[in-house]
Amino acid sequence: MSTLPTMRITRGNERQKRRFNKVNSRLQWELSVNIEKEFWIQDRERVCSDWWLGIKKNRADRLKEWLSHWMPLGDESMILQIGAGAEGMINFLGVGQRFAIDPLADFFKSEFSEILDPSVTFTSGVGEELPYDDDMFDLVIIYNALDHTFNPQKVLSEIYRVSKVSGINHVAVHTYPRIWLPLLKLLTFIQGPTEHTWRYTSGKIRKELHEYSFQILDTKYGGKDESIIPDWSSPGIQLRIARLVGLCAPMFHILARKDEHKITKIR
């Protein structure tokens, strides 16, 4: 008889722990959004420079070239970028019916209107709750944004929902060697939240895509211009220690599409 109350208490503690973790993650995400906003304010000159916009256009061109092997884009293509920021690839594709969504969309439209493509429908919102119909998009881009979200798994479920069966999804995240993840977690605890709410290895992002019913078509690592390579002038203890130990986080690119032979998980 004495074991029953213990079981109830244990289950109750587990539920309480899950609720605490969920609330804590939400608070961390809200802090990261504020940090992200401060980044855009402080980095406005670089973001709006011809040099930087040229780099962004070059990345968009490289994506179109990569996609051409699987699904060439045309005027009728339906394209979405999640977490587009002020200078997302969606602004430089120059083809198709284009949509973008970002928690800071209103801020970007107010403060960075001169570099936004007015032909892109830019909506304020989050990847966990996409305001679009099922099977709507030929291409969904989430570039350097999945690791900034509140619930990456729910974002992947939403991407699956809004993607066409014949569509392509471009997922790009900074990846770290597994051995460095405990150190990064410790440094985040010491310094406080950053704009990155999650950390990925290449194996972890592959696994999550498979779990959420995506078939991986192709992968590649981005160039040095996309990697996190901290220098001694980088602010914060995290980046300086990362530089000291030689830590570099390359951008890992994946092209994937729906795998209809699997059942989609939705959390």
C-alpha atoms as a PDB file:
ATOM      1  CA  MET A   1       0.000   0.000   0.000  1.00  0.00           C
ATOM      2  CA  SER A   2       2.821   2.391   0.743  1.00  0.00           C
ATOM      3  CA  THR A   3       4.049   2.286  -2.837  1.00  0.00           C
ATOM      4  CA  LEU A   4       0.903   3.828  -4.344  1.00  0.00           C
ATOM      5  CA  PRO A   5       1.319   7.311  -2.864  1.00  0.00           C
ATOM      6  CA  THR A   6       4.974   7.245  -3.938  1.00  0.00           C
ATOM      7  CA  MET A   7       3.946   6.485  -7.523  1.00  0.00           C
ATOM      8  CA  ARG A   8       1.458   9.319  -7.513  1.00  0.00           C
ATOM      9  CA  ILE A   9       3.993  11.712  -6.089  1.00  0.00           C
ATOM     10  CA  THR A  10       6.578  10.647  -8.665  1.00  0.00           C
ATOM     11  CA  ARG A  11       4.153  11.122 -11.526  1.00  0.00           C
ATOM     12  CA  GLY A  12       3.085  14.458 -10.094  1.00  0.00           C
ATOM     13  CA  ASN A  13       6.700  15.553  -9.821  1.00  0.00           C
ATOM     14  CA  GLU A  14       7.321  14.518 -13.396  1.00  0.00           C
ATOM     15  CA  ARG A  15       4.326  16.506 -14.623  1.00  0.00           C
ATOM     16  CA  GLN A  16       5.457  19.483 -12.560  1.00  0.00           C
ATOM     17  CA  LYS A  17       8.969  19.146 -13.982  1.00  0.00           C
ATOM     18  CA  ARG A  18       7.642  19.066 -17.557  1.00  0.00           C
ATOM     19  CA  ARG A  19       5.500  22.155 -16.891  1.00  0.00           C
ATOM     20  CA  PHE A  20       8.494  23.943 -15.362  1.00  0.00           C
ATOM     21  CA  ASN A  21      10.731  23.051 -18.327  1.00  0.00           C
ATOM     22  CA  LYS A  22       8.071  24.239 -20.772  1.00  0.00           C
ATOM     23  CA  VAL A  23       7.632  27.568 -18.973  1.00  0.00           C
ATOM     24  CA  ASN A  24      11.398  27.956 -18.607  1.00  0.00           C
ATOM     25  CA  SER A  25      11.919  27.274 -22.324  1.00  0.00           C
ATOM     26  CA  ARG A  26       9.241  29.805 -23.196  1.00  0.00           C
ATOM     27  CA  LEU A  27      10.869  32.463 -21.015  1.00  0.00           C
ATOM     28  CA  GLN A  28      14.272  31.690 -22.535  1.00  0.00           C
ATOM     29  CA  TRP A  29      12.797  31.993 -26.027  1.00  0.00           C
ATOM     30  CA  GLU A  30      11.190  35.354 -25.207  1.00  0.00           C
ATOM     31  CA  LEU A  31      14.535  36.587 -23.890  1.00  0.00           C
ATOM     32  CA  SER A  32      16.254  35.333 -27.037  1.00  0.00           C
ATOM     33  CA  VAL A  33      13.789  37.277 -29.218  1.00  0.00           C
ATOM     34  CA  ASN A  34      14.677  40.465 -27.333  1.00  0.00           C
ATOM     35  CA  ILE A  35      18.383  39.678 -27.756  1.00  0.00           C
ATOM     36  CA  GLU A  36      17.749  39.114 -31.465  1.00  0.00           C
ATOM     37  CA  LYS A  37      16.041  42.493 -31.761  1.00  0.00           C
ATOM     38  CA  GLU A  38      18.990  44.210 -30.086  1.00  0.00           C
ATOM     39  CA  PHE A  39      21.328  42.458 -32.522  1.00  0.00           C
ATOM     40  CA  TRP A  40      19.449  43.878 -35.528  1.00  0.00           C
ATOM     41  CA  ILE A  41      19.451  47.378 -34.049  1.00  0.00           C
ATOM     42  CA  GLN A  42      23.180  47.317 -33.327  1.00  0.00           C
ATOM     43  CA  ASP A  43      24.100  45.657 -36.634  1.00  0.00           C
ATOM     44  CA  ARG A  44      21.862  47.768 -38.870  1.00  0.00           C
ATOM     45  CA  GLU A  45      24.681  49.434 -40.804  1.00  0.00           C
ATOM     46  CA  ARG A  46      26.235  46.112 -41.827  1.00  0.00           C
ATOM     47  CA  VAL A  47      22.874  44.461 -42.575  1.00  0.00           C
ATOM     48  CA  CYS A  48      21.879  47.287 -44.941  1.00  0.00           C
ATOM     49  CA  SER A  49      25.269  47.570 -46.654  1.00  0.00           C
ATOM     50  CA  ASP A  50      25.633  46.683 -50.337  1.00  0.00           C
ATOM     51  CA  TRP A  51      28.430  44.292 -49.387  1.00  0.00           C
ATOM     52  CA  TRP A  52      26.225  42.257 -47.035  1.00  0.00           C
ATOM     53  CA  LEU A  53      23.172  42.298 -49.311  1.00  0.00           C
ATOM     54  CA  GLY A  54      25.427  41.039 -52.097  1.00  0.00           C
ATOM     55  CA  ILE A  55      26.431  38.094 -49.913  1.00  0.00           C
ATOM     56  CA  LYS A  56      22.774  37.323 -49.183  1.00  0.00           C
ATOM     57  CA  LYS A  57      21.909  37.441 -52.893  1.00  0.00           C
ATOM     58  CA  ASN A  58      24.794  35.096 -53.634  1.00  0.00           C
ATOM     59  CA  ARG A  59      23.455  32.637 -51.050  1.00  0.00           C
ATOM     60  CA  ALA A  60      20.003  32.789 -52.636  1.00  0.00           C
ATOM     61  CA  ASP A  61      21.534  32.144 -56.056  1.00  0.00           C
ATOM     62  CA  ARG A  62      23.443  29.144 -54.686  1.00  0.00           C
ATOM     63  CA  LEU A  63      20.231  27.764 -53.205  1.00  0.00           C
ATOM     64  CA  LYS A  64      18.413  28.108 -56.542  1.00  0.00           C
ATOM     65  CA  GLU A  65      21.263  26.301 -58.283  1.00  0.00           C
ATOM     66  CA  TRP A  66      21.152  23.481 -55.704  1.00  0.00           C
ATOM     67  CA  LEU A  67      17.376  23.226 -55.974  1.00  0.00           C
ATOM     68  CA  SER A  68      17.520  23.043 -59.772  1.00  0.00           C
ATOM     69  CA  HIS A  69      18.653  19.414 -59.519  1.00  0.00           C
ATOM     70  CA  TRP A  70      15.447  18.541 -57.682  1.00  0.00           C
ATOM     71  CA  MET A  71      12.785  21.162 -58.404  1.00  0.00           C
ATOM     72  CA  PRO A  72      13.437  24.262 -60.537  1.00  0.00           C
ATOM     73  CA  LEU A  73      11.560  27.319 -59.281  1.00  0.00           C
ATOM     74  CA  GLY A  74       9.105  29.130 -61.556  1.00  0.00           C
ATOM     75  CA  ASP A  75       6.655  32.020 -61.495  1.00  0.00           C
ATOM     76  CA  GLU A  76       3.921  29.768 -60.070  1.00  0.00           C
ATOM     77  CA  SER A  77       6.092  28.358 -57.279  1.00  0.00           C
ATOM     78  CA  MET A  78       4.734  28.941 -53.760  1.00  0.00           C
ATOM     79  CA  ILE A  79       7.648  29.774 -51.447  1.00  0.00           C
ATOM     80  CA  LEU A  80       7.792  30.369 -47.679  1.00  0.00           C
ATOM     81  CA  GLN A  81      10.688  31.394 -45.443  1.00  0.00           C
ATOM     82  CA  ILE A  82      10.301  30.896 -41.697  1.00  0.00           C
ATOM     83  CA  GLY A  83      12.334  33.264 -39.511  1.00  0.00           C
ATOM     84  CA  ALA A  84      13.298  35.364 -42.500  1.00  0.00           C
ATOM     85  CA  GLY A  85      14.782  38.295 -40.599  1.00  0.00           C
ATOM     86  CA  ALA A  86      15.302  41.571 -42.437  1.00  0.00           C
ATOM     87  CA  GLU A  87      17.454  40.180 -45.257  1.00  0.00           C
ATOM     88  CA  GLY A  88      16.262  36.624 -45.728  1.00  0.00           C
ATOM     89  CA  MET A  89      16.838  34.674 -48.938  1.00  0.00           C
ATOM     90  CA  ILE A  90      13.171  35.144 -49.780  1.00  0.00           C
ATOM     91  CA  ASN A  91      13.978  38.762 -50.738  1.00  0.00           C
ATOM     92  CA  PHE A  92      16.540  37.687 -53.346  1.00  0.00           C
ATOM     93  CA  LEU A  93      14.972  34.675 -55.057  1.00  0.00           C
ATOM     94  CA  GLY A  94      13.195  36.914 -57.575  1.00  0.00           C
ATOM     95  CA  VAL A  95      10.724  34.233 -58.609  1.00  0.00           C
ATOM     96  CA  GLY A  96       7.439  32.711 -57.486  1.00  0.00           C
ATOM     97  CA  GLN A  97       4.780  33.791 -54.998  1.00  0.00           C
ATOM     98  CA  ARG A  98       6.755  34.473 -51.859  1.00  0.00           C
ATOM     99  CA  PHE A  99       5.787  34.580 -48.193  1.00  0.00           C
ATOM    100  CA  ALA A 100       7.806  35.183 -45.024  1.00  0.00           C
ATOM    101  CA  ILE A 101       7.016  34.894 -41.330  1.00  0.00           C
ATOM    102  CA  ASP A 102       8.992  36.129 -38.327  1.00  0.00           C
ATOM    103  CA  PRO A 103       8.170  37.110 -34.707  1.00  0.00           C
ATOM    104  CA  LEU A 104       9.829  40.476 -35.437  1.00  0.00           C
ATOM    105  CA  ALA A 105       8.135  41.078 -38.807  1.00  0.00           C
ATOM    106  CA  ASP A 106       6.472  44.337 -37.733  1.00  0.00           C
ATOM    107  CA  PHE A 107       9.795  45.609 -36.392  1.00  0.00           C
ATOM    108  CA  PHE A 108      11.547  44.735 -39.665  1.00  0.00           C
ATOM    109  CA  LYS A 109       8.847  46.398 -41.777  1.00  0.00           C
ATOM    110  CA  SER A 110       9.208  49.534 -39.680  1.00  0.00           C
ATOM    111  CA  GLU A 111      13.002  49.717 -39.358  1.00  0.00           C
ATOM    112  CA  PHE A 112      14.342  47.892 -42.449  1.00  0.00           C
ATOM    113  CA  SER A 113      11.733  48.659 -45.099  1.00  0.00           C
ATOM    114  CA  GLU A 114      14.373  49.842 -47.587  1.00  0.00           C
ATOM    115  CA  ILE A 115      15.859  46.322 -47.950  1.00  0.00           C
ATOM    116  CA  LEU A 116      12.628  44.308 -47.883  1.00  0.00           C
ATOM    117  CA  ASP A 117      11.223  43.152 -51.216  1.00  0.00           C
ATOM    118  CA  PRO A 118       7.673  44.598 -51.322  1.00  0.00           C
ATOM    119  CA  SER A 119       6.520  41.639 -53.426  1.00  0.00           C
ATOM    120  CA  VAL A 120       7.057  39.336 -50.424  1.00  0.00           C
ATOM    121  CA  THR A 121       4.037  38.936 -48.107  1.00  0.00           C
ATOM    122  CA  PHE A 122       5.663  39.387 -44.678  1.00  0.00           C
ATOM    123  CA  THR A 123       3.633  38.212 -41.668  1.00  0.00           C
ATOM    124  CA  SER A 124       4.251  38.458 -37.929  1.00  0.00           C
ATOM    125  CA  GLY A 125       4.103  35.010 -36.356  1.00  0.00           C
ATOM    126  CA  VAL A 126       5.999  31.922 -35.249  1.00  0.00           C
ATOM    127  CA  GLY A 127       6.952  28.678 -36.933  1.00  0.00           C
ATOM    128  CA  GLU A 128       5.069  26.663 -34.327  1.00  0.00           C
ATOM    129  CA  GLU A 129       1.743  28.066 -35.583  1.00  0.00           C
ATOM    130  CA  LEU A 130       1.951  28.768 -39.311  1.00  0.00           C
ATOM    131  CA  PRO A 131      -1.122  30.661 -40.617  1.00  0.00           C
ATOM    132  CA  TYR A 132      -1.128  28.808 -43.939  1.00  0.00           C
ATOM    133  CA  ASP A 133      -3.169  26.021 -45.529  1.00  0.00           C
ATOM    134  CA  ASP A 134      -2.118  22.387 -45.686  1.00  0.00           C
ATOM    135  CA  ASP A 135      -0.042  21.332 -48.715  1.00  0.00           C
ATOM    136  CA  MET A 136       0.409  24.957 -49.805  1.00  0.00           C
ATOM    137  CA  PHE A 137       4.125  25.438 -50.538  1.00  0.00           C
ATOM    138  CA  ASP A 138       6.515  24.099 -53.161  1.00  0.00           C
ATOM    139  CA  LEU A 139       9.493  25.335 -51.143  1.00  0.00           C
ATOM    140  CA  VAL A 140       9.847  26.037 -47.412  1.00  0.00           C
ATOM    141  CA  ILE A 141      13.084  27.628 -46.212  1.00  0.00           C
ATOM    142  CA  ILE A 142      14.162  27.727 -42.583  1.00  0.00           C
ATOM    143  CA  TYR A 143      17.682  29.126 -42.639  1.00  0.00           C
ATOM    144  CA  ASN A 144      19.528  29.775 -39.382  1.00  0.00           C
ATOM    145  CA  ALA A 145      16.201  29.907 -37.536  1.00  0.00           C
ATOM    146  CA  LEU A 146      15.200  26.450 -36.269  1.00  0.00           C
ATOM    147  CA  ASP A 147      17.655  26.730 -33.375  1.00  0.00           C
ATOM    148  CA  HIS A 148      16.082  30.099 -32.451  1.00  0.00           C
ATOM    149  CA  THR A 149      12.549  28.713 -32.005  1.00  0.00           C
ATOM    150  CA  PHE A 150      10.565  27.864 -28.884  1.00  0.00           C
ATOM    151  CA  ASN A 151       9.666  24.320 -30.002  1.00  0.00           C
ATOM    152  CA  PRO A 152      11.703  23.040 -32.988  1.00  0.00           C
ATOM    153  CA  GLN A 153       9.763  19.776 -33.152  1.00  0.00           C
ATOM    154  CA  LYS A 154       6.454  21.587 -33.528  1.00  0.00           C
ATOM    155  CA  VAL A 155       8.027  23.770 -36.224  1.00  0.00           C
ATOM    156  CA  LEU A 156       9.036  20.662 -38.164  1.00  0.00           C
ATOM    157  CA  SER A 157       5.485  19.333 -37.840  1.00  0.00           C
ATOM    158  CA  GLU A 158       4.131  22.589 -39.214  1.00  0.00           C
ATOM    159  CA  ILE A 159       6.601  22.550 -42.108  1.00  0.00           C
ATOM    160  CA  TYR A 160       5.420  19.042 -42.949  1.00  0.00           C
ATOM    161  CA  ARG A 161       1.793  20.186 -42.842  1.00  0.00           C
ATOM    162  CA  VAL A 162       2.159  23.191 -45.164  1.00  0.00           C
ATOM    163  CA  SER A 163       4.539  21.535 -47.652  1.00  0.00           C
ATOM    164  CA  LYS A 164       3.294  19.959 -50.849  1.00  0.00           C
ATOM    165  CA  VAL A 165       4.005  16.271 -51.375  1.00  0.00           C
ATOM    166  CA  SER A 166       6.190  17.186 -54.341  1.00  0.00           C
ATOM    167  CA  GLY A 167       7.739  20.144 -52.510  1.00  0.00           C
ATOM    168  CA  ILE A 168      11.225  20.682 -51.108  1.00  0.00           C
ATOM    169  CA  ASN A 169      12.247  21.911 -47.674  1.00  0.00           C
ATOM    170  CA  HIS A 170      15.559  23.662 -47.113  1.00  0.00           C
ATOM    171  CA  VAL A 171      16.724  23.390 -43.491  1.00  0.00           C
ATOM    172  CA  ALA A 172      19.991  25.054 -42.454  1.00  0.00           C
ATOM    173  CA  VAL A 173      21.368  25.174 -38.899  1.00  0.00           C
ATOM    174  CA  HIS A 174      24.728  25.800 -37.293  1.00  0.00           C
ATOM    175  CA  THR A 175      26.076  22.484 -36.045  1.00  0.00           C
ATOM    176  CA  TYR A 176      28.570  21.737 -33.289  1.00  0.00           C
ATOM    177  CA  PRO A 177      30.725  18.731 -32.406  1.00  0.00           C
ATOM    178  CA  ARG A 178      28.848  16.639 -29.845  1.00  0.00           C
ATOM    179  CA  ILE A 179      31.729  16.953 -27.396  1.00  0.00           C
ATOM    180  CA  TRP A 180      31.205  20.733 -27.155  1.00  0.00           C
ATOM    181  CA  LEU A 181      27.487  20.678 -26.297  1.00  0.00           C
ATOM    182  CA  PRO A 182      27.961  20.291 -22.501  1.00  0.00           C
ATOM    183  CA  LEU A 183      30.457  23.180 -22.532  1.00  0.00           C
ATOM    184  CA  LEU A 184      28.055  25.412 -24.470  1.00  0.00           C
ATOM    185  CA  LYS A 185      25.271  24.541 -22.042  1.00  0.00           C
ATOM    186  CA  LEU A 186      27.513  25.458 -19.102  1.00  0.00           C
ATOM    187  CA  LEU A 187      28.550  28.735 -20.718  1.00  0.00           C
ATOM    188  CA  THR A 188      24.903  29.621 -21.367  1.00  0.00           C
ATOM    189  CA  PHE A 189      24.185  28.958 -17.683  1.00  0.00           C
ATOM    190  CA  ILE A 190      27.057  31.256 -16.686  1.00  0.00           C
ATOM    191  CA  GLN A 191      26.434  34.071 -19.147  1.00  0.00           C
ATOM    192  CA  GLY A 192      22.667  33.790 -19.581  1.00  0.00           C
ATOM    193  CA  PRO A 193      20.429  33.238 -22.625  1.00  0.00           C
ATOM    194  CA  THR A 194      21.606  33.960 -26.160  1.00  0.00           C
ATOM    195  CA  GLU A 195      19.669  34.225 -29.417  1.00  0.00           C
ATOM    196  CA  HIS A 196      20.206  30.466 -29.878  1.00  0.00           C
ATOM    197  CA  THR A 197      17.722  28.530 -27.747  1.00  0.00           C
ATOM    198  CA  TRP A 198      18.888  25.123 -29.065  1.00  0.00           C
ATOM    199  CA  ARG A 199      22.148  23.558 -30.256  1.00  0.00           C
ATOM    200  CA  TYR A 200      22.430  20.937 -32.972  1.00  0.00           C
ATOM    201  CA  THR A 201      24.861  18.351 -34.207  1.00  0.00           C
ATOM    202  CA  SER A 202      24.532  17.203 -37.825  1.00  0.00           C
ATOM    203  CA  GLY A 203      23.342  13.835 -36.520  1.00  0.00           C
ATOM    204  CA  LYS A 204      20.696  15.386 -34.287  1.00  0.00           C
ATOM    205  CA  ILE A 205      19.053  17.449 -37.030  1.00  0.00           C
ATOM    206  CA  ARG A 206      19.095  14.446 -39.368  1.00  0.00           C
ATOM    207  CA  LYS A 207      17.421  12.336 -36.689  1.00  0.00           C
ATOM    208  CA  GLU A 208      14.711  14.906 -36.006  1.00  0.00           C
ATOM    209  CA  LEU A 209      13.882  15.218 -39.688  1.00  0.00           C
ATOM    210  CA  HIS A 210      13.552  11.441 -39.975  1.00  0.00           C
ATOM    211  CA  GLU A 211      11.387  11.333 -36.846  1.00  0.00           C
ATOM    212  CA  TYR A 212       9.060  13.937 -38.315  1.00  0.00           C
ATOM    213  CA  SER A 213       8.625  12.037 -41.565  1.00  0.00           C
ATOM    214  CA  PHE A 214      11.019  13.827 -43.880  1.00  0.00           C
ATOM    215  CA  GLN A 215      13.103  12.090 -46.508  1.00  0.00           C
ATOM    216  CA  ILE A 216      16.560  13.664 -46.781  1.00  0.00           C
ATOM    217  CA  LEU A 217      17.512  14.237 -50.417  1.00  0.00           C
ATOM    218  CA  ASP A 218      20.885  15.949 -50.104  1.00  0.00           C
ATOM    219  CA  THR A 219      23.171  17.630 -47.561  1.00  0.00           C
ATOM    220  CA  LYS A 220      26.185  19.907 -47.612  1.00  0.00           C
ATOM    221  CA  TYR A 221      28.154  22.233 -45.364  1.00  0.00           C
ATOM    222  CA  GLY A 222      28.195  25.946 -46.050  1.00  0.00           C
ATOM    223  CA  GLY A 223      31.264  28.065 -46.564  1.00  0.00           C
ATOM    224  CA  LYS A 224      33.328  30.036 -44.089  1.00  0.00           C
ATOM    225  CA  ASP A 225      31.071  33.077 -44.576  1.00  0.00           C
ATOM    226  CA  GLU A 226      28.178  31.127 -43.005  1.00  0.00           C
ATOM    227  CA  SER A 227      30.090  29.608 -40.083  1.00  0.00           C
ATOM    228  CA  ILE A 228      30.261  30.882 -36.525  1.00  0.00           C
ATOM    229  CA  ILE A 229      33.974  31.591 -36.125  1.00  0.00           C
ATOM    230  CA  PRO A 230      34.406  33.801 -33.060  1.00  0.00           C
ATOM    231  CA  ASP A 231      37.326  36.174 -32.719  1.00  0.00           C
ATOM    232  CA  TRP A 232      38.814  37.920 -29.713  1.00  0.00           C
ATOM    233  CA  SER A 233      36.724  41.016 -30.323  1.00  0.00           C
ATOM    234  CA  SER A 234      33.487  39.017 -30.100  1.00  0.00           C
ATOM    235  CA  PRO A 235      31.404  40.105 -27.110  1.00  0.00           C
ATOM    236  CA  GLY A 236      30.608  37.685 -24.297  1.00  0.00           C
ATOM    237  CA  ILE A 237      32.472  34.932 -22.519  1.00  0.00           C
ATOM    238  CA  GLN A 238      30.892  32.213 -24.681  1.00  0.00           C
ATOM    239  CA  LEU A 239      32.462  33.345 -27.935  1.00  0.00           C
ATOM    240  CA  ARG A 240      35.844  34.111 -26.390  1.00  0.00           C
ATOM    241  CA  ILE A 241      36.137  30.677 -24.778  1.00  0.00           C
ATOM    242  CA  ALA A 242      34.894  29.107 -28.003  1.00  0.00           C
ATOM    243  CA  ARG A 243      37.709  30.887 -29.833  1.00  0.00           C
ATOM    244  CA  LEU A 244      40.230  29.757 -27.218  1.00  0.00           C
ATOM    245  CA  VAL A 245      39.360  26.071 -27.679  1.00  0.00           C
ATOM    246  CA  GLY A 246      39.086  26.366 -31.458  1.00  0.00           C
ATOM    247  CA  LEU A 247      35.350  25.825 -31.691  1.00  0.00           C
ATOM    248  CA  CYS A 248      33.762  26.501 -35.088  1.00  0.00           C
ATOM    249  CA  ALA A 249      30.102  25.950 -35.978  1.00  0.00           C
ATOM    250  CA  PRO A 250      29.593  25.431 -39.723  1.00  0.00           C
ATOM    251  CA  MET A 251      26.203  25.832 -41.365  1.00  0.00           C
ATOM    252  CA  PHE A 252      24.728  22.449 -42.267  1.00  0.00           C
ATOM    253  CA  HIS A 253      22.287  22.530 -45.202  1.00  0.00           C
ATOM    254  CA  ILE A 254      19.659  19.872 -45.863  1.00  0.00           C
ATOM    255  CA  LEU A 255      17.173  19.413 -48.686  1.00  0.00           C
ATOM    256  CA  ALA A 256      14.264  17.188 -47.650  1.00  0.00           C
ATOM    257  CA  ARG A 257      10.715  16.362 -48.664  1.00  0.00           C
ATOM    258  CA  LYS A 258       7.736  14.611 -47.145  1.00  0.00           C
ATOM    259  CA  ASP A 259       8.100  10.871 -46.664  1.00  0.00           C
ATOM    260  CA  GLU A 260       4.534   9.684 -47.112  1.00  0.00           C
ATOM    261  CA  HIS A 261       5.415   6.150 -46.078  1.00  0.00           C
ATOM    262  CA  LYS A 262       5.803   7.315 -42.485  1.00  0.00           C
ATOM    263  CA  ILE A 263       3.276   8.677 -40.013  1.00  0.00           C
ATOM    264  CA  THR A 264       3.927  12.276 -39.004  1.00  0.00           C
ATOM    265  CA  LYS A 265       4.417  12.915 -35.331  1.00  0.00           C
ATOM    266  CA  ILE A 266       2.845  16.065 -33.898  1.00  0.00           C
ATOM    267  CA  ARG A 267       3.736  17.125 -30.379  1.00  0.00           C
END
